[in-house]
Amino acid sequence: MKDILQELETRRADARMGGGQNRIDAQHARGKLTARERVELLLDEGSFEEYDMFVTHRCTDFGMEKNRPAGDGVVTGWGTINGRMVYVFSQDFTVLGGSVSATHAMKICKIMDMAMQNGAPVIGINDSGGARIQEGVDSLAGYGEVFQRNIMASGVVPQISMIMGPCAGGAVYSPAMTDFIFMVKDSSYMFVTGPDVVKTVTNEHVTAEELGGAVTHTRKSSVADGAFENDVEALAEVRRLVDFLPLNNRQPSPTRPFFDDVDRLEESLDTLVPENANTPYDMKELIHKIADEADFYEIQEEFAKNMITGFIRLEGQTVGVVANQPMVLAGVLDIDSARKAARFVRFCDCFGIPLLTFVDVPGFLPGTSQEYNGVIKHGAKLLFAYGEATVPKVTVITRKSYGGAYVVMASKHLRADVNYAWPTAEIAVMGAKGATEIIHRADLGDAGKIAAHAAQYEDRFANPFVAAERGFIDEVIQPRSTRKRVARAFAALRSKKQEMPWKKHDNIPL
C-alpha cells in the first residue's frame, strides 16, 4: 500500500512540475507566472480541485510517443472566488508550448460541460503556441469542440478569457466568443495570422505587439476589455469582476454588504452640468457619486471613450451602467460607441443585471467615414439591444438628448421602466440653432430675427418639460437626489417580469 501511495505522490509531483524547472525559470524570466501559480492566485486559498492531472496525449507520429507529459499542457478544475464556485482552465506554456492536442481540448471541454451542468462561470487562462502540429486535424477538431461549447454556454454562464501569453491562429476564436477578454501588457498578444505571414502576404512590417498586443486590442480593435500591467494585477481584477456577476442566467447577482446611505444627497451634482451648454463635464464623476462606496468597475475603458460602460452597486446589488461621456467628442454616438454599448447591454440582459443609463448625447457623428462604414447598422445594434432587453431599465437625462440618439439611449419608447431628467435636460429633435435655420429659413439673412427665433425655440424646447407633459419623462428630479431616486426605482423593479414574443432567436443587425 505504501508503494502505491508513494507512486501517487511521485506522479503528482511530476505533473506539478509541468515542463521542468528550466522551462519554469524561462517563464518567470519573461515576467509570466506558471499555469498553476495563476490558478492559485485567481482562486481562494486551498479551494482548487484539479481534474485530469494524469491525462496524456495519444499521438504516436513524429516520435511523440516518447514525450507524453502528465496533464498535456493544461491545468483544469474548479475552485471558489470569495466563496463562489468557478471552473477554470489554465494553459501551461512550459509543456509543449501549451499547444492544443485532442486530449488537451478534451480536458477543457470536460470543464465547460461541468460548468454548464452546475451553473458556474468559466475562466480560461490562455498561454499557448496554438494547435499541436504533430496531431494535424485532431488538434483542429479539438478546437472545434471547444468553440461549440463556447457557443452553447453563451448567455448561460459567464465566460471570462485571460490572455496571458500568445494566442494565435484559430485559438483566438474561443476567447472572442466569451463575455470578457483581459490581456497583460507586453507579454500577451492575439492575432489570426502572425507578423511573418503578414509580411509574406501583404509586405507589411509589423511587430507582434503592434499587430495584436494589449494596447492594440484595447484601444483600436475593441477585441479586449481591459489590459493590465502584469499577471498578478490581471488575476486580482478578474476576481473583482466575478464579484459583480451572477453564477449563471437563472441566479441573481450577488448582494454585498454596503455601508453607504441609500438616501445620501450629493449637493455637488447640482452644479455638475456647466452653465454653457457647450462646456464638457466628466460623466464618471456622476457615476462614482451615486454608486455604493463610489466603486465603479469600468469595461473597455480605453476604447470609444465617448461611451462609458461598467458595473456599480446600488444597495449592494449589481447594476450595469451605460453613459455618454461629454468629455470626448461631446458624448456623440458613433460606430464604435454604439457597438461597445450594445455588447454590454446584451450581456447585462443575458444575466439579469439591471441597466442604468445616463444620457447627454447631441446626436450621431456625421461624416462620410461613419456612413461608409455602416453607422446606420451599428447604431441600430444599440437600439436593438435596448429594445430587446427585459431587465429593469432606469434612464437619467442630464443635459442634451437630441434626435434619434434620444430614442436610442434607453428612452421610454424602447420600454425603459423609469425615465428621469434633470432640470438642465434638453429633449428635442436638434439644437436650437439648427432647428431655427430649418424652420425659419426665410429669415436667414436677418441675424436679429434668427436670434429671436432661436431664443423662442430654446424657451419652448430646451427643457425637459415638453417630454414630461407627454409622459415620456416620468419625473424631473433634483440632481442631488439622483442616487436616492435611482435606487428607489430599481427597488420597485425587483419583481419585474417581461417577455419577448416566442422566437428561435432574433436577427440583430450585425
Protein backbone atom coordinates (compact mmCIF):
# COMPACT_ATOMS: atom_id res chain seq x y z
CA MET A 1 0.00 0.00 0.00
CA LYS A 2 2.83 2.38 0.87
CA ASP A 3 4.38 1.81 -2.56
CA ILE A 4 1.12 2.76 -4.29
CA LEU A 5 0.72 5.88 -2.17
CA GLN A 6 4.33 6.83 -2.87
CA GLU A 7 3.80 6.36 -6.59
CA LEU A 8 0.73 8.61 -6.45
CA GLU A 9 2.71 11.38 -4.75
CA THR A 10 5.61 10.96 -7.17
CA ARG A 11 3.28 11.20 -10.17
CA ARG A 12 1.58 14.26 -8.70
CA ALA A 13 4.93 15.94 -8.08
CA ASP A 14 6.00 15.26 -11.67
CA ALA A 15 2.71 16.65 -13.03
CA ARG A 16 3.02 19.80 -10.91
CA MET A 17 6.48 20.48 -12.36
CA GLY A 18 4.98 20.87 -15.85
CA GLY A 19 7.78 21.13 -18.38
CA GLY A 20 10.51 21.08 -15.74
CA GLN A 21 12.42 23.64 -13.71
CA ASN A 22 14.33 25.09 -16.65
CA ARG A 23 11.16 25.96 -18.52
CA ILE A 24 9.52 27.29 -15.36
CA ASP A 25 12.54 29.58 -14.90
CA ALA A 26 12.22 30.71 -18.53
CA GLN A 27 8.53 31.50 -17.95
CA HIS A 28 9.43 33.60 -14.91
CA ALA A 29 12.19 35.34 -16.86
CA ARG A 30 9.55 36.57 -19.32
CA GLY A 31 7.66 38.15 -16.42
CA LYS A 32 4.99 35.44 -16.55
CA LEU A 33 3.64 33.16 -13.84
CA THR A 34 3.20 29.43 -14.45
CA ALA A 35 -0.20 27.91 -15.11
CA ARG A 36 -0.52 26.61 -11.55
CA GLU A 37 0.70 29.85 -9.95
CA ARG A 38 -2.00 31.69 -11.88
CA VAL A 39 -4.71 29.33 -10.66
CA GLU A 40 -3.52 29.67 -7.07
CA LEU A 41 -3.66 33.49 -7.26
CA LEU A 42 -7.03 33.54 -9.00
CA LEU A 43 -8.85 31.23 -6.59
CA ASP A 44 -9.40 31.31 -2.84
CA GLU A 45 -6.53 29.72 -0.98
CA GLY A 46 -6.82 25.94 -0.82
CA SER A 47 -10.06 25.82 -2.84
CA PHE A 48 -8.74 24.39 -6.12
CA GLU A 49 -9.90 20.88 -7.03
CA GLU A 50 -7.91 19.65 -10.01
CA TYR A 51 -9.19 17.16 -12.58
CA ASP A 52 -7.32 15.10 -15.18
CA MET A 53 -3.87 15.69 -13.75
CA PHE A 54 -2.57 12.47 -15.30
CA VAL A 55 -4.11 12.74 -18.78
CA THR A 56 -1.58 12.35 -21.59
CA HIS A 57 -1.86 12.77 -25.35
CA ARG A 58 -2.34 9.78 -27.67
CA CYS A 59 -0.24 10.91 -30.63
CA THR A 60 2.30 8.40 -31.98
CA ASP A 61 3.55 10.34 -35.01
CA PHE A 62 6.85 12.23 -35.26
CA GLY A 63 8.22 10.48 -32.16
CA MET A 64 5.57 11.99 -29.91
CA GLU A 65 5.03 8.63 -28.14
CA LYS A 66 8.35 9.27 -26.35
CA ASN A 67 7.20 12.60 -24.94
CA ARG A 68 3.94 12.25 -23.03
CA PRO A 69 3.89 14.75 -20.14
CA ALA A 70 1.17 14.38 -17.50
CA GLY A 71 -1.63 16.92 -17.84
CA ASP A 72 -0.88 17.53 -21.53
CA GLY A 73 -0.26 21.25 -21.20
CA VAL A 74 -3.39 22.44 -19.44
CA VAL A 75 -4.45 22.58 -15.76
CA THR A 76 -8.21 22.16 -15.23
CA GLY A 77 -10.58 22.06 -12.29
CA TRP A 78 -12.80 24.19 -10.10
CA GLY A 79 -12.45 26.36 -7.03
CA THR A 80 -14.00 29.42 -5.43
CA ILE A 81 -13.63 33.18 -5.69
CA ASN A 82 -14.76 34.78 -2.44
CA GLY A 83 -16.63 31.59 -1.67
CA ARG A 84 -18.48 31.32 -5.02
CA MET A 85 -17.80 28.44 -7.42
CA VAL A 86 -15.98 28.93 -10.71
CA TYR A 87 -14.46 26.49 -13.20
CA VAL A 88 -11.04 27.25 -14.59
CA PHE A 89 -8.55 26.00 -17.17
CA SER A 90 -5.02 27.32 -17.39
CA GLN A 91 -2.77 26.50 -20.33
CA ASP A 92 0.80 25.59 -19.40
CA PHE A 93 3.32 27.11 -21.79
CA THR A 94 6.12 25.08 -20.18
CA VAL A 95 4.59 21.85 -21.54
CA LEU A 96 4.98 21.59 -25.32
CA GLY A 97 4.41 25.36 -25.56
CA GLY A 98 0.88 24.95 -24.22
CA SER A 99 -0.08 23.61 -27.65
CA VAL A 100 -3.58 22.20 -28.05
CA SER A 101 -3.92 18.47 -28.72
CA ALA A 102 -7.09 16.39 -28.89
CA THR A 103 -6.75 15.44 -25.19
CA HIS A 104 -5.83 18.99 -24.16
CA ALA A 105 -9.08 20.16 -25.78
CA MET A 106 -10.96 17.25 -24.20
CA LYS A 107 -9.89 18.45 -20.74
CA ILE A 108 -11.15 21.96 -21.46
CA CYS A 109 -14.43 20.62 -22.86
CA LYS A 110 -14.99 18.50 -19.75
CA ILE A 111 -14.64 21.58 -17.53
CA MET A 112 -17.00 23.61 -19.71
CA ASP A 113 -19.60 20.82 -19.68
CA MET A 114 -19.42 20.67 -15.89
CA ALA A 115 -19.77 24.47 -15.65
CA MET A 116 -22.91 24.34 -17.78
CA GLN A 117 -24.34 21.44 -15.82
CA ASN A 118 -23.65 23.00 -12.43
CA GLY A 119 -24.28 26.64 -13.33
CA ALA A 120 -20.95 28.32 -12.64
CA PRO A 121 -18.71 30.73 -14.60
CA VAL A 122 -15.80 29.52 -16.73
CA ILE A 123 -12.47 31.34 -16.59
CA GLY A 124 -9.95 30.40 -19.27
CA ILE A 125 -6.30 31.38 -18.93
CA ASN A 126 -4.75 31.30 -22.41
CA ASP A 127 -1.00 30.88 -22.90
CA SER A 128 -0.48 28.63 -25.90
CA GLY A 129 1.58 28.29 -29.04
CA GLY A 130 -1.56 27.19 -30.89
CA ALA A 131 -2.56 23.88 -32.46
CA ARG A 132 -0.19 20.95 -31.95
CA ILE A 133 1.03 20.49 -35.48
CA GLN A 134 2.04 16.85 -34.92
CA GLU A 135 -1.62 15.94 -34.38
CA GLY A 136 -2.91 17.63 -37.52
CA VAL A 137 -6.67 17.57 -37.91
CA ASP A 138 -7.20 16.01 -34.45
CA SER A 139 -5.97 19.27 -32.95
CA LEU A 140 -8.30 21.30 -35.17
CA ALA A 141 -11.19 19.04 -34.17
CA GLY A 142 -10.34 19.74 -30.53
CA TYR A 143 -10.58 23.48 -31.17
CA GLY A 144 -13.93 22.97 -32.87
CA GLU A 145 -15.28 21.10 -29.83
CA VAL A 146 -14.22 23.97 -27.56
CA PHE A 147 -15.81 26.54 -29.89
CA GLN A 148 -19.12 24.70 -29.86
CA ARG A 149 -19.14 24.73 -26.07
CA ASN A 150 -18.38 28.47 -26.03
CA ILE A 151 -21.47 28.93 -28.18
CA MET A 152 -23.66 26.67 -26.02
CA ALA A 153 -22.51 28.39 -22.81
CA SER A 154 -23.04 31.90 -24.16
CA GLY A 155 -25.76 33.61 -22.12
CA VAL A 156 -25.99 30.61 -19.78
CA VAL A 157 -22.87 31.05 -17.62
CA PRO A 158 -20.43 33.97 -17.66
CA GLN A 159 -17.28 33.21 -19.67
CA ILE A 160 -14.08 35.16 -18.98
CA SER A 161 -10.88 34.83 -21.02
CA MET A 162 -7.46 35.88 -19.77
CA ILE A 163 -4.80 36.21 -22.46
CA MET A 164 -1.52 35.80 -20.57
CA GLY A 165 0.82 34.83 -23.39
CA PRO A 166 0.50 34.03 -27.09
CA CYS A 167 -2.95 33.28 -28.55
CA ALA A 168 -2.79 32.97 -32.32
CA GLY A 169 -4.50 31.39 -35.30
CA GLY A 170 -7.74 29.51 -34.68
CA ALA A 171 -7.13 29.73 -30.93
CA VAL A 172 -8.29 33.36 -30.87
CA TYR A 173 -11.87 32.44 -31.70
CA SER A 174 -12.61 30.77 -28.38
CA PRO A 175 -11.83 33.93 -26.35
CA ALA A 176 -13.61 36.02 -29.00
CA MET A 177 -16.89 34.25 -28.18
CA THR A 178 -16.57 34.75 -24.42
CA ASP A 179 -18.08 37.64 -22.48
CA PHE A 180 -14.89 39.38 -21.35
CA ILE A 181 -11.29 39.29 -22.54
CA PHE A 182 -8.42 40.63 -20.44
CA MET A 183 -4.81 40.91 -21.56
CA VAL A 184 -1.43 41.59 -19.94
CA LYS A 185 0.68 44.41 -21.37
CA ASP A 186 3.92 43.43 -23.13
CA SER A 187 3.53 39.68 -22.55
CA SER A 188 0.32 38.71 -24.34
CA TYR A 189 -0.93 39.01 -27.89
CA MET A 190 -3.78 37.81 -30.12
CA PHE A 191 -3.91 37.62 -33.90
CA VAL A 192 -5.27 35.32 -36.59
CA THR A 193 -2.05 35.48 -38.63
CA GLY A 194 1.33 36.45 -37.19
CA PRO A 195 3.81 39.12 -38.28
CA ASP A 196 5.78 36.74 -40.53
CA VAL A 197 2.70 35.71 -42.52
CA VAL A 198 1.55 39.34 -42.73
CA LYS A 199 4.96 40.31 -44.13
CA THR A 200 4.89 37.50 -46.71
CA VAL A 201 1.33 38.13 -47.90
CA THR A 202 0.94 41.92 -47.67
CA ASN A 203 4.57 43.07 -47.35
CA GLU A 204 3.66 44.96 -44.14
CA HIS A 205 6.37 45.07 -41.48
CA VAL A 206 4.77 44.90 -38.03
CA THR A 207 5.78 43.55 -34.62
CA ALA A 208 3.70 41.06 -32.64
CA GLU A 209 2.94 43.80 -30.10
CA GLU A 210 1.77 46.25 -32.78
CA LEU A 211 -0.26 43.60 -34.57
CA GLY A 212 -2.03 42.03 -31.62
CA GLY A 213 -0.77 43.34 -28.31
CA ALA A 214 -2.81 44.57 -25.36
CA VAL A 215 -2.73 48.23 -26.41
CA THR A 216 -3.88 47.38 -29.95
CA HIS A 217 -6.82 45.31 -28.78
CA THR A 218 -8.00 47.62 -26.00
CA ARG A 219 -7.72 50.90 -27.96
CA LYS A 220 -8.11 50.08 -31.66
CA SER A 221 -9.88 46.78 -32.31
CA SER A 222 -12.07 46.54 -29.15
CA VAL A 223 -11.32 42.79 -29.03
CA ALA A 224 -10.14 43.05 -25.40
CA ASP A 225 -12.00 44.65 -22.50
CA GLY A 226 -9.01 45.57 -20.37
CA ALA A 227 -5.21 45.41 -20.16
CA PHE A 228 -3.15 45.13 -17.01
CA GLU A 229 0.49 45.67 -16.10
CA ASN A 230 1.27 42.09 -15.06
CA ASP A 231 -0.22 38.68 -14.27
CA VAL A 232 -0.85 39.48 -10.61
CA GLU A 233 -2.86 42.63 -11.31
CA ALA A 234 -4.87 40.89 -14.05
CA LEU A 235 -5.83 37.99 -11.77
CA ALA A 236 -6.82 40.34 -8.94
CA GLU A 237 -9.03 42.40 -11.27
CA VAL A 238 -10.77 39.28 -12.60
CA ARG A 239 -11.54 38.27 -9.02
CA ARG A 240 -13.10 41.70 -8.57
CA LEU A 241 -15.18 41.35 -11.76
CA VAL A 242 -16.53 37.94 -10.75
CA ASP A 243 -17.84 39.55 -7.55
CA PHE A 244 -20.25 41.64 -9.66
CA LEU A 245 -21.60 38.73 -11.75
CA PRO A 246 -24.23 36.06 -11.15
CA LEU A 247 -23.09 32.44 -11.33
CA ASN A 248 -25.48 31.73 -14.20
CA ASN A 249 -28.51 33.09 -16.05
CA ARG A 250 -31.01 31.69 -13.53
CA GLN A 251 -29.46 33.15 -10.40
CA PRO A 252 -29.41 36.76 -9.25
CA SER A 253 -26.19 38.74 -8.95
CA PRO A 254 -24.56 38.55 -5.53
CA THR A 255 -25.67 41.11 -2.96
CA ARG A 256 -22.77 42.54 -1.00
CA PRO A 257 -22.91 44.37 2.35
CA PHE A 258 -22.88 48.13 1.82
CA PHE A 259 -22.19 50.99 4.18
CA ASP A 260 -23.40 53.89 2.05
CA ASP A 261 -26.69 55.60 2.91
CA VAL A 262 -29.13 54.99 0.05
CA ASP A 263 -30.79 58.35 0.79
CA ARG A 264 -27.48 60.21 0.59
CA LEU A 265 -27.85 63.58 -1.15
CA GLU A 266 -24.91 64.74 -3.25
CA GLU A 267 -25.09 68.53 -3.32
CA SER A 268 -22.19 68.86 -5.75
CA LEU A 269 -24.28 67.25 -8.52
CA ASP A 270 -26.47 70.37 -8.64
CA THR A 271 -23.53 72.18 -10.28
CA LEU A 272 -22.10 69.29 -12.32
CA VAL A 273 -23.64 70.47 -15.59
CA PRO A 274 -21.98 73.76 -16.67
CA GLU A 275 -23.98 76.91 -17.47
CA ASN A 276 -22.63 76.90 -21.03
CA ALA A 277 -24.31 74.10 -22.98
CA ASN A 278 -21.12 73.51 -24.98
CA THR A 279 -18.81 73.09 -21.98
CA PRO A 280 -17.91 69.46 -21.23
CA TYR A 281 -18.01 67.78 -17.82
CA ASP A 282 -16.93 64.34 -16.61
CA MET A 283 -19.82 61.87 -16.52
CA LYS A 284 -17.67 59.48 -14.45
CA GLU A 285 -17.99 61.94 -11.57
CA LEU A 286 -21.76 61.33 -11.56
CA ILE A 287 -21.30 57.55 -11.75
CA HIS A 288 -18.87 57.47 -8.82
CA LYS A 289 -21.05 59.77 -6.72
CA ILE A 290 -24.19 57.67 -6.98
CA ALA A 291 -22.51 54.23 -6.63
CA ASP A 292 -22.16 52.42 -3.32
CA GLU A 293 -18.82 53.50 -1.83
CA ALA A 294 -18.01 55.19 -5.17
CA ASP A 295 -16.98 51.77 -6.56
CA PHE A 296 -17.11 51.57 -10.37
CA TYR A 297 -15.70 48.67 -12.43
CA GLU A 298 -15.26 50.03 -15.94
CA ILE A 299 -15.35 47.79 -19.02
CA GLN A 300 -13.46 48.75 -22.21
CA GLU A 301 -12.16 51.95 -20.65
CA GLU A 302 -9.63 52.61 -23.45
CA PHE A 303 -11.99 52.09 -26.41
CA ALA A 304 -14.67 54.52 -27.68
CA LYS A 305 -14.21 56.85 -24.72
CA ASN A 306 -17.28 58.86 -25.72
CA MET A 307 -19.28 55.97 -24.19
CA ILE A 308 -18.80 54.63 -20.67
CA THR A 309 -19.76 51.07 -19.69
CA GLY A 310 -19.24 49.17 -16.46
CA PHE A 311 -20.66 47.91 -13.18
CA ILE A 312 -21.61 49.61 -9.92
CA ARG A 313 -23.61 48.50 -6.92
CA LEU A 314 -26.74 50.15 -5.55
CA GLU A 315 -27.92 48.92 -2.15
CA GLY A 316 -25.33 46.17 -2.54
CA GLN A 317 -26.77 44.87 -5.82
CA THR A 318 -25.03 44.88 -9.21
CA VAL A 319 -26.19 47.40 -11.81
CA GLY A 320 -24.81 47.82 -15.33
CA VAL A 321 -24.11 51.43 -16.29
CA VAL A 322 -24.11 52.88 -19.81
CA ALA A 323 -23.36 56.59 -20.13
CA ASN A 324 -22.41 59.17 -22.73
CA GLN A 325 -19.14 60.96 -21.92
CA PRO A 326 -19.32 64.70 -22.79
CA MET A 327 -15.54 64.96 -22.30
CA VAL A 328 -14.92 63.00 -25.54
CA LEU A 329 -16.48 64.07 -28.86
CA ALA A 330 -19.21 65.78 -26.77
CA GLY A 331 -20.62 62.32 -25.98
CA VAL A 332 -21.77 61.81 -29.56
CA LEU A 333 -22.90 58.36 -30.73
CA ASP A 334 -20.75 56.77 -33.43
CA ILE A 335 -19.95 53.31 -34.76
CA ASP A 336 -17.50 52.33 -32.03
CA SER A 337 -19.52 53.66 -29.09
CA ALA A 338 -22.72 52.02 -30.34
CA ARG A 339 -21.01 48.63 -30.72
CA LYS A 340 -19.38 48.91 -27.32
CA ALA A 341 -22.60 49.80 -25.54
CA ALA A 342 -24.75 47.27 -27.44
CA ARG A 343 -22.45 44.40 -26.48
CA PHE A 344 -22.53 45.48 -22.83
CA VAL A 345 -26.34 45.92 -22.77
CA ARG A 346 -26.83 42.44 -24.22
CA PHE A 347 -24.50 40.89 -21.63
CA CYS A 348 -26.44 42.53 -18.80
CA ASP A 349 -29.74 41.36 -20.26
CA CYS A 350 -28.43 37.78 -20.64
CA PHE A 351 -27.64 37.60 -16.93
CA GLY A 352 -30.47 39.62 -15.41
CA ILE A 353 -28.34 42.63 -14.46
CA PRO A 354 -30.43 45.86 -14.29
CA LEU A 355 -29.38 48.70 -16.58
CA LEU A 356 -28.83 52.33 -15.60
CA THR A 357 -28.34 54.79 -18.47
CA PHE A 358 -27.03 58.35 -18.13
CA VAL A 359 -27.77 60.43 -21.22
CA ASP A 360 -26.04 63.51 -22.59
CA VAL A 361 -25.99 62.97 -26.33
CA PRO A 362 -26.06 65.59 -29.10
CA GLY A 363 -26.79 63.01 -31.79
CA PHE A 364 -24.90 60.71 -34.16
CA LEU A 365 -21.48 61.65 -35.53
CA PRO A 366 -21.86 62.94 -39.11
CA GLY A 367 -19.45 62.31 -41.97
CA THR A 368 -18.62 60.09 -44.91
CA SER A 369 -16.37 57.82 -42.82
CA GLN A 370 -19.25 56.97 -40.48
CA GLU A 371 -21.77 56.46 -43.28
CA TYR A 372 -19.43 54.40 -45.47
CA ASN A 373 -18.58 52.14 -42.52
CA GLY A 374 -22.21 51.49 -41.66
CA VAL A 375 -23.17 53.77 -38.79
CA ILE A 376 -26.80 53.03 -39.63
CA LYS A 377 -26.43 49.33 -38.89
CA HIS A 378 -24.04 49.79 -35.99
CA GLY A 379 -26.28 52.40 -34.38
CA ALA A 380 -29.20 50.01 -34.84
CA LYS A 381 -27.31 47.43 -32.75
CA LEU A 382 -27.62 49.64 -29.67
CA LEU A 383 -31.23 50.47 -30.49
CA PHE A 384 -31.99 46.75 -30.87
CA ALA A 385 -30.11 45.80 -27.69
CA TYR A 386 -32.03 48.25 -25.52
CA GLY A 387 -35.35 47.37 -27.15
CA GLU A 388 -34.97 43.63 -26.59
CA ALA A 389 -33.66 43.91 -23.02
CA THR A 390 -36.22 42.83 -20.44
CA VAL A 391 -34.20 43.60 -17.30
CA PRO A 392 -35.12 46.66 -15.17
CA LYS A 393 -34.08 49.79 -17.08
CA VAL A 394 -33.73 53.22 -15.49
CA THR A 395 -32.64 56.26 -17.51
CA VAL A 396 -31.48 59.70 -16.37
CA ILE A 397 -31.09 62.52 -18.92
CA THR A 398 -28.64 65.07 -17.56
CA ARG A 399 -28.31 67.55 -20.45
CA LYS A 400 -28.67 67.17 -24.22
CA SER A 401 -30.77 64.40 -25.72
CA TYR A 402 -31.32 65.17 -29.38
CA GLY A 403 -32.83 63.45 -32.37
CA GLY A 404 -32.63 59.72 -33.00
CA ALA A 405 -29.95 59.42 -30.32
CA TYR A 406 -32.60 60.38 -27.71
CA VAL A 407 -34.66 57.36 -28.75
CA VAL A 408 -31.67 55.01 -28.89
CA MET A 409 -30.40 55.80 -25.38
CA ALA A 410 -32.93 53.75 -23.40
CA SER A 411 -35.89 56.05 -23.98
CA LYS A 412 -39.41 55.33 -22.78
CA HIS A 413 -40.20 54.24 -26.34
CA LEU A 414 -37.77 51.30 -26.01
CA ARG A 415 -39.60 50.05 -22.90
CA ALA A 416 -37.39 51.71 -20.31
CA ASP A 417 -39.19 51.41 -16.98
CA VAL A 418 -38.33 54.68 -15.27
CA ASN A 419 -37.09 57.77 -17.13
CA TYR A 420 -35.84 60.73 -15.13
CA ALA A 421 -34.49 64.06 -16.31
CA TRP A 422 -32.52 66.77 -14.56
CA PRO A 423 -33.87 70.33 -14.90
CA THR A 424 -30.89 71.01 -17.21
CA ALA A 425 -32.10 68.39 -19.72
CA GLU A 426 -32.91 69.44 -23.28
CA ILE A 427 -35.00 66.92 -25.22
CA ALA A 428 -35.60 67.92 -28.82
CA VAL A 429 -35.10 66.90 -32.44
CA MET A 430 -31.98 69.06 -32.60
CA GLY A 431 -30.28 72.07 -31.05
CA ALA A 432 -31.92 75.49 -31.21
CA LYS A 433 -29.56 76.93 -33.85
CA GLY A 434 -30.01 74.08 -36.33
CA ALA A 435 -33.75 73.90 -35.79
CA THR A 436 -34.19 77.66 -36.24
CA GLU A 437 -32.24 77.68 -39.51
CA ILE A 438 -34.55 74.99 -40.88
CA ILE A 439 -37.89 76.27 -39.57
CA HIS A 440 -37.19 79.94 -40.36
CA ARG A 441 -35.13 79.55 -43.50
CA ALA A 442 -36.72 82.68 -44.98
CA ASP A 443 -35.16 84.82 -42.23
CA LEU A 444 -31.58 83.55 -42.62
CA GLY A 445 -30.37 86.95 -43.83
CA ASP A 446 -31.61 88.73 -40.70
CA ALA A 447 -29.37 87.92 -37.73
CA GLY A 448 -31.72 89.65 -35.27
CA LYS A 449 -34.72 87.63 -36.31
CA ILE A 450 -32.76 84.35 -36.26
CA ALA A 451 -31.52 85.12 -32.74
CA ALA A 452 -35.08 85.86 -31.60
CA HIS A 453 -36.37 82.64 -33.17
CA ALA A 454 -33.55 80.64 -31.54
CA ALA A 455 -34.36 82.13 -28.13
CA GLN A 456 -38.02 81.30 -28.65
CA TYR A 457 -37.13 77.71 -29.62
CA GLU A 458 -34.92 77.35 -26.54
CA ASP A 459 -37.70 78.63 -24.27
CA ARG A 460 -40.11 76.14 -25.81
CA PHE A 461 -37.96 73.03 -26.24
CA ALA A 462 -34.61 73.38 -24.39
CA ASN A 463 -36.02 71.87 -21.23
CA PRO A 464 -37.39 68.50 -20.04
CA PHE A 465 -40.96 69.65 -19.53
CA VAL A 466 -42.40 69.07 -23.01
CA ALA A 467 -41.34 65.40 -22.77
CA ALA A 468 -42.66 65.28 -19.20
CA GLU A 469 -46.03 66.65 -20.37
CA ARG A 470 -46.22 63.75 -22.83
CA GLY A 471 -45.31 61.17 -20.17
CA PHE A 472 -42.03 60.31 -21.90
CA ILE A 473 -40.23 61.51 -18.75
CA ASP A 474 -41.63 60.13 -15.50
CA GLU A 475 -40.21 62.83 -13.27
CA VAL A 476 -37.90 65.84 -13.38
CA ILE A 477 -35.60 65.33 -10.41
CA GLN A 478 -33.05 67.36 -8.49
CA PRO A 479 -29.52 66.25 -9.45
CA ARG A 480 -28.54 65.97 -5.76
CA SER A 481 -31.20 63.28 -5.22
CA THR A 482 -30.16 61.08 -8.16
CA ARG A 483 -28.74 58.23 -6.03
CA LYS A 484 -31.88 58.05 -3.89
CA ARG A 485 -34.31 58.24 -6.81
CA VAL A 486 -32.46 55.69 -8.94
CA ALA A 487 -32.05 53.25 -6.04
CA ARG A 488 -35.76 53.50 -5.21
CA ALA A 489 -36.65 52.94 -8.87
CA PHE A 490 -34.60 49.74 -9.01
CA ALA A 491 -36.06 48.59 -5.68
CA ALA A 492 -39.56 48.96 -7.18
CA LEU A 493 -38.50 46.94 -10.23
CA ARG A 494 -37.00 43.92 -8.43
CA SER A 495 -40.00 41.72 -9.24
CA LYS A 496 -40.28 42.90 -12.86
CA LYS A 497 -41.33 40.23 -15.35
CA GLN A 498 -41.33 40.95 -19.06
CA GLU A 499 -41.00 38.57 -22.00
CA MET A 500 -40.36 38.87 -25.70
CA PRO A 501 -42.66 37.08 -28.20
CA TRP A 502 -41.62 33.46 -28.85
CA LYS A 503 -38.89 33.11 -31.45
CA LYS A 504 -35.99 30.79 -32.14
CA HIS A 505 -33.71 33.80 -31.82
CA ASP A 506 -33.74 37.35 -33.06
CA ASN A 507 -31.79 38.65 -36.04
CA ILE A 508 -29.89 41.60 -34.56
CA PRO A 509 -28.34 43.79 -37.29
CA LEU A 510 -24.77 42.50 -37.25
